[in-house]
Amino acid sequence: MLMTTPLQSWRKLVFLWAQRALPLLLMLSSMNVRANDCENIIKMDGLFSKAHRECPFSYYAFRFHQQSQMCGEKTGETKWKQLFSQGASTFDSKAASMGKSALCAKLVKDFPMTVKF
């Protein structure tokens, strides 16, 4: 029979609490996202998702993606796809005008908590 240490028991309690509290926390955080902010968040998710595939980032904080998914529940799937596509297209047009490596460097400079080389 396996015996658990106090640390293992504590971790299990924290895990069980987080498992129950997470849906409530996500619901409360989604209430903070206003509808007019949702369009911009979804577009940013499209831009950063495209950048994540095209740029040599070693780190991408998926905060826009998480918020975008919550916004998708408000906007509906069709509108979400359209806005996400617009964000990805923005990456393409900016990369064409300023160069992909320059755009990647600019994203790292402007959003240091979101992407890193």
Protein backbone atom coordinates (compact mmCIF):
# COMPACT_ATOMS: atom_id res chain seq x y z
CA MET A 1 0.00 0.00 0.00
CA LEU A 2 1.33 3.41 -0.99
CA MET A 3 1.62 6.06 1.66
CA THR A 4 1.32 9.70 0.76
CA THR A 5 3.52 12.40 2.20
CA PRO A 6 2.06 15.65 3.52
CA LEU A 7 3.39 17.43 0.41
CA GLN A 8 1.62 14.99 -1.90
CA SER A 9 -1.61 15.42 0.05
CA TRP A 10 -1.29 19.19 -0.13
CA ARG A 11 -0.67 19.09 -3.89
CA LYS A 12 -3.70 16.86 -4.36
CA LEU A 13 -5.90 19.28 -2.39
CA VAL A 14 -4.65 22.24 -4.43
CA PHE A 15 -5.24 20.32 -7.65
CA LEU A 16 -8.78 19.37 -6.63
CA TRP A 17 -9.56 22.96 -5.61
CA ALA A 18 -8.15 24.36 -8.86
CA GLN A 19 -10.07 21.79 -10.88
CA ARG A 20 -13.34 23.00 -9.33
CA ALA A 21 -12.48 26.71 -9.28
CA LEU A 22 -11.10 26.99 -12.84
CA PRO A 23 -14.47 27.02 -14.65
CA LEU A 24 -15.71 29.75 -12.31
CA LEU A 25 -12.54 31.80 -12.78
CA LEU A 26 -12.77 31.45 -16.56
CA MET A 27 -16.39 32.53 -16.49
CA LEU A 28 -15.60 35.57 -14.36
CA SER A 29 -12.65 36.56 -16.54
CA SER A 30 -14.78 36.25 -19.67
CA MET A 31 -17.24 38.71 -18.16
CA ASN A 32 -14.44 41.28 -18.08
CA VAL A 33 -14.01 41.05 -21.84
CA ARG A 34 -16.41 43.51 -23.40
CA ALA A 35 -18.01 42.67 -26.73
CA ASN A 36 -16.24 45.48 -28.61
CA ASP A 37 -12.89 44.28 -27.23
CA CYS A 38 -13.61 40.79 -28.49
CA GLU A 39 -13.14 41.71 -32.14
CA ASN A 40 -9.66 43.08 -31.45
CA ILE A 41 -8.72 40.13 -29.26
CA ILE A 42 -9.76 37.64 -31.96
CA LYS A 43 -7.79 39.57 -34.59
CA MET A 44 -4.74 39.61 -32.31
CA ASP A 45 -5.09 35.87 -31.85
CA GLY A 46 -5.11 35.46 -35.63
CA LEU A 47 -2.03 37.65 -35.98
CA PHE A 48 -0.07 35.94 -33.19
CA SER A 49 -1.10 32.45 -34.27
CA LYS A 50 0.22 33.19 -37.76
CA ALA A 51 3.35 34.81 -36.30
CA HIS A 52 3.90 31.78 -34.07
CA ARG A 53 4.02 29.58 -37.19
CA GLU A 54 6.14 31.99 -39.26
CA CYS A 55 8.58 33.50 -36.73
CA PRO A 56 11.29 31.65 -34.82
CA PHE A 57 9.68 32.31 -31.44
CA SER A 58 10.78 30.12 -28.55
CA TYR A 59 7.86 31.33 -26.44
CA TYR A 60 4.28 32.33 -27.12
CA ALA A 61 1.92 33.12 -24.24
CA PHE A 62 -1.44 31.99 -25.51
CA ARG A 63 -3.35 34.72 -23.64
CA PHE A 64 -4.87 36.10 -26.83
CA HIS A 65 -5.83 32.58 -27.89
CA GLN A 66 -7.52 31.85 -24.57
CA GLN A 67 -9.40 35.14 -24.57
CA SER A 68 -10.23 34.67 -28.23
CA GLN A 69 -11.84 31.32 -27.50
CA MET A 70 -14.00 32.93 -24.81
CA CYS A 71 -14.94 35.70 -27.22
CA GLY A 72 -15.84 33.11 -29.83
CA GLU A 73 -18.69 32.03 -27.59
CA LYS A 74 -20.06 35.59 -27.81
CA THR A 75 -19.44 36.27 -31.49
CA GLY A 76 -20.31 32.88 -32.92
CA GLU A 77 -18.09 30.60 -34.97
CA THR A 78 -18.62 32.28 -38.36
CA LYS A 79 -17.76 35.77 -37.09
CA TRP A 80 -14.84 34.36 -35.07
CA LYS A 81 -13.35 32.70 -38.16
CA GLN A 82 -13.72 35.91 -40.16
CA LEU A 83 -11.99 38.03 -37.50
CA PHE A 84 -9.26 35.43 -36.92
CA SER A 85 -8.61 35.39 -40.67
CA GLN A 86 -8.35 39.18 -40.72
CA GLY A 87 -5.67 39.02 -38.04
CA ALA A 88 -3.69 36.41 -39.96
CA SER A 89 -4.01 38.53 -43.12
CA THR A 90 -2.64 41.50 -41.21
CA PHE A 91 0.50 39.49 -40.47
CA ASP A 92 0.82 38.62 -44.16
CA SER A 93 0.40 42.21 -45.37
CA LYS A 94 2.78 43.64 -42.76
CA ALA A 95 5.36 40.92 -43.54
CA ALA A 96 5.10 41.76 -47.25
CA SER A 97 5.62 45.48 -46.65
CA MET A 98 8.34 45.42 -43.97
CA GLY A 99 9.80 41.92 -44.26
CA LYS A 100 8.99 38.89 -42.15
CA SER A 101 12.10 39.05 -39.93
CA ALA A 102 11.55 42.77 -39.24
CA LEU A 103 7.92 42.10 -38.34
CA CYS A 104 8.88 39.24 -36.04
CA ALA A 105 11.42 41.50 -34.30
CA LYS A 106 8.80 44.26 -33.98
CA LEU A 107 6.29 41.87 -32.40
CA VAL A 108 8.88 40.77 -29.84
CA LYS A 109 9.72 44.41 -29.07
CA ASP A 110 6.09 45.57 -28.86
CA PHE A 111 4.72 42.48 -27.06
CA PRO A 112 7.56 41.17 -24.84
CA MET A 113 5.17 39.37 -22.50
CA THR A 114 3.50 37.55 -25.39
CA VAL A 115 6.32 36.38 -27.67
CA LYS A 116 10.07 35.82 -27.28
CA PHE A 117 12.87 34.61 -29.51
